[in-house]
Every structure is written in C-alpha cells, then in structure tokens.
Protein backbone atom coordinates (compact mmCIF):
# COMPACT_ATOMS: atom_id res chain seq x y z
CA ILE A 1 24.12 4.87 -1.69
CA ASP A 2 24.78 1.80 0.42
CA HIS A 3 21.69 0.52 2.22
CA GLY A 4 19.60 3.72 2.39
CA VAL A 5 16.75 2.06 4.26
CA GLN A 6 16.46 5.00 6.66
CA ALA A 7 15.71 7.41 3.79
CA PRO A 8 11.91 7.21 4.29
CA HIS A 9 12.36 9.13 7.56
CA ASP A 10 13.23 12.23 5.48
CA PRO A 11 10.62 13.16 2.85
CA ALA A 12 12.95 15.67 1.18
CA LEU A 13 15.64 13.02 0.82
CA MET A 14 13.13 10.56 -0.60
CA ALA A 15 11.97 13.14 -3.14
CA HIS A 16 15.61 13.77 -4.12
CA LEU A 17 16.36 10.05 -4.47
CA VAL A 18 13.32 9.55 -6.69
CA ALA A 19 13.82 12.69 -8.79
CA HIS A 20 17.45 11.86 -9.51
CA GLN A 21 17.04 8.06 -9.50
CA ILE A 22 19.96 7.68 -7.11
CA PRO A 23 20.39 3.94 -6.53
CA LEU A 24 20.23 2.36 -3.09
CA THR A 25 22.15 -0.88 -2.62
CA VAL A 26 19.83 -2.53 -0.11
CA CYS A 27 21.21 -5.55 1.77
CA PRO A 28 18.24 -7.09 3.59
CA THR A 29 20.04 -9.88 5.47
CA SER A 30 22.61 -7.51 6.93
CA ASN A 31 19.81 -5.07 7.83
CA ILE A 32 18.35 -7.83 9.99
CA LYS A 33 21.70 -8.87 11.51
CA LEU A 34 22.41 -5.21 12.35
CA CYS A 35 18.95 -4.89 13.96
CA VAL A 36 17.82 -2.17 11.56
CA PHE A 37 14.61 -4.20 11.30
CA LYS A 38 13.45 -6.77 13.85
CA ASP A 39 12.80 -9.37 11.15
CA MET A 40 12.51 -9.56 7.39
CA SER A 41 8.74 -9.09 7.43
CA GLU A 42 9.35 -5.52 8.69
CA HIS A 43 11.83 -4.63 5.94
CA ASN A 44 10.85 -1.54 3.93
CA LEU A 45 12.11 -2.66 0.51
CA LYS A 46 8.61 -2.69 -1.00
CA ALA A 47 7.87 0.78 0.38
CA LEU A 48 11.07 2.06 -1.24
CA LEU A 49 10.05 0.54 -4.57
CA ASP A 50 6.47 1.80 -4.26
CA ALA A 51 7.83 5.31 -3.67
CA GLY A 52 9.79 5.10 -6.92
CA VAL A 53 13.25 4.77 -5.40
CA CYS A 54 15.87 3.00 -7.54
CA ALA A 55 16.45 0.26 -4.97
CA THR A 56 18.52 -2.83 -5.70
CA VAL A 57 19.13 -6.00 -3.69
CA ASN A 58 22.74 -6.81 -2.83
CA SER A 59 24.81 -8.80 -0.39
CA ASP A 60 26.85 -7.17 2.34
CA ASP A 61 29.89 -9.17 3.43
CA PRO A 62 28.14 -12.53 2.95
CA ALA A 63 30.62 -14.50 5.02
CA TYR A 64 29.85 -12.30 8.03
CA PHE A 65 26.17 -11.49 7.52
CA GLY A 66 25.22 -14.84 6.00
CA GLY A 67 23.62 -14.26 2.68
CA TYR A 68 24.85 -14.02 -0.85
CA MET A 69 22.74 -12.08 -3.33
CA ASN A 70 20.33 -14.89 -4.17
CA ASP A 71 19.88 -15.55 -0.44
CA ASN A 72 18.93 -11.90 0.04
CA PHE A 73 16.30 -12.16 -2.72
CA VAL A 74 14.87 -15.47 -1.53
CA GLN A 75 14.72 -14.56 2.17
CA THR A 76 13.17 -11.17 1.44
CA PHE A 77 10.54 -12.48 -0.99
CA GLU A 78 9.67 -15.42 1.30
CA ALA A 79 9.15 -13.10 4.28
CA LYS A 80 7.18 -10.47 2.38
CA PRO A 81 4.25 -11.95 0.45
CA SER A 82 3.47 -8.48 -0.90
CA LEU A 83 6.60 -8.74 -3.05
CA GLY A 84 5.92 -10.35 -6.39
CA VAL A 85 6.99 -10.42 -10.01
CA THR A 86 6.48 -6.66 -10.40
CA GLN A 87 8.95 -5.92 -7.62
CA ALA A 88 11.39 -8.58 -8.82
CA PHE A 89 11.32 -6.99 -12.26
CA ALA A 90 11.84 -3.52 -10.74
CA LEU A 91 14.78 -4.71 -8.65
CA ALA A 92 16.44 -6.38 -11.62
CA SER A 93 15.90 -3.43 -13.95
CA ASN A 94 17.09 -1.03 -11.24
CA SER A 95 20.27 -3.07 -10.90
CA PHE A 96 20.90 -2.71 -14.63
CA ALA A 97 20.24 1.03 -14.49
CA ALA A 98 22.59 1.42 -11.52
CA SER A 99 25.38 -0.64 -13.06
CA PHE A 100 28.38 0.48 -15.03
CA ALA A 101 27.11 -1.53 -18.01
CA THR A 102 26.81 0.12 -21.39
CA SER A 103 23.39 1.17 -22.63
CA GLU A 104 23.60 -1.63 -25.20
CA GLU A 105 24.23 -4.22 -22.49
CA ARG A 106 21.39 -2.84 -20.35
CA GLY A 107 19.07 -2.93 -23.35
CA ALA A 108 19.94 -6.54 -24.14
CA TRP A 109 19.35 -7.60 -20.53
CA MET A 110 16.02 -5.76 -20.41
CA GLU A 111 14.95 -7.54 -23.62
CA GLN A 112 15.81 -10.87 -21.99
CA MET A 113 13.77 -9.96 -18.91
CA PHE A 114 10.76 -8.93 -20.99
CA ALA A 115 11.01 -12.18 -22.95
CA CYS A 116 11.12 -14.18 -19.73
CA ILE A 117 8.13 -12.37 -18.27
CA ASP A 118 6.18 -12.78 -21.52
CA ARG A 119 6.93 -16.51 -21.45
CA TYR A 120 5.54 -16.95 -17.93
CA ALA A 121 2.77 -14.34 -17.94
CA VAL A 122 -0.68 -15.70 -17.33
C-alpha cells in the first residue's frame, strides 16, 4: 500500500496490516510536502514500526518532492532521535520481505545485515 500513514486512525485496519504483514511504502519527504505532517518530527513512521506494521521507506517522485530514498532515510532519522539501529534494521528487512526478490536473495541480504550489525554492535 502506498504511504499508509493514515492507517493508525483505524484500529481494525492496523490489526489487518499487522496480521497479514501488508507492506506500506512510506515516503516521508512527500508526506511533509503534501502537509500530511507539519514537519518530519511529527511523522508516525516509528509508531507504525512499533505497532508491527511492515513499513518501508521509499521515495515518491523525487524530482517533484525533493528526496531520493537515502534522503528520505537521512531526513527522517535526523528529525526523529527515537529512530535508531533497531528501526533501521526493521525498515531494511521489511523492504526485503516486501520485495519481489527470491527467498534465497532475501536470505543472503539478511545475512549481510546481521554481519554488519554484529561488526558494529557495542
């Protein structure tokens, strides 16, 4: 589902999204440009993740909304100090789960992510 940031207004929808792990392609910079949220600090990406929603970060017409995928990650994480490595890992793994990649490809990418986290874990 594109965006999906209004889903928390409907508890039954949220329960359905979580139960069926239906991915949301969240585009934070366009959510700000479209005045869905006043500024990035108000974005509900962490609440979606905390609720168990399969949220991913994406770009939405970057030339118009100003923000390729990395920009969306950086701007969101800079504006929301409550987002950390746990949420970054969840967003990346959700993107693999939501992709059309084979299970072998997803497994290999997850192994690489675990190796990276193990390397930098304190």
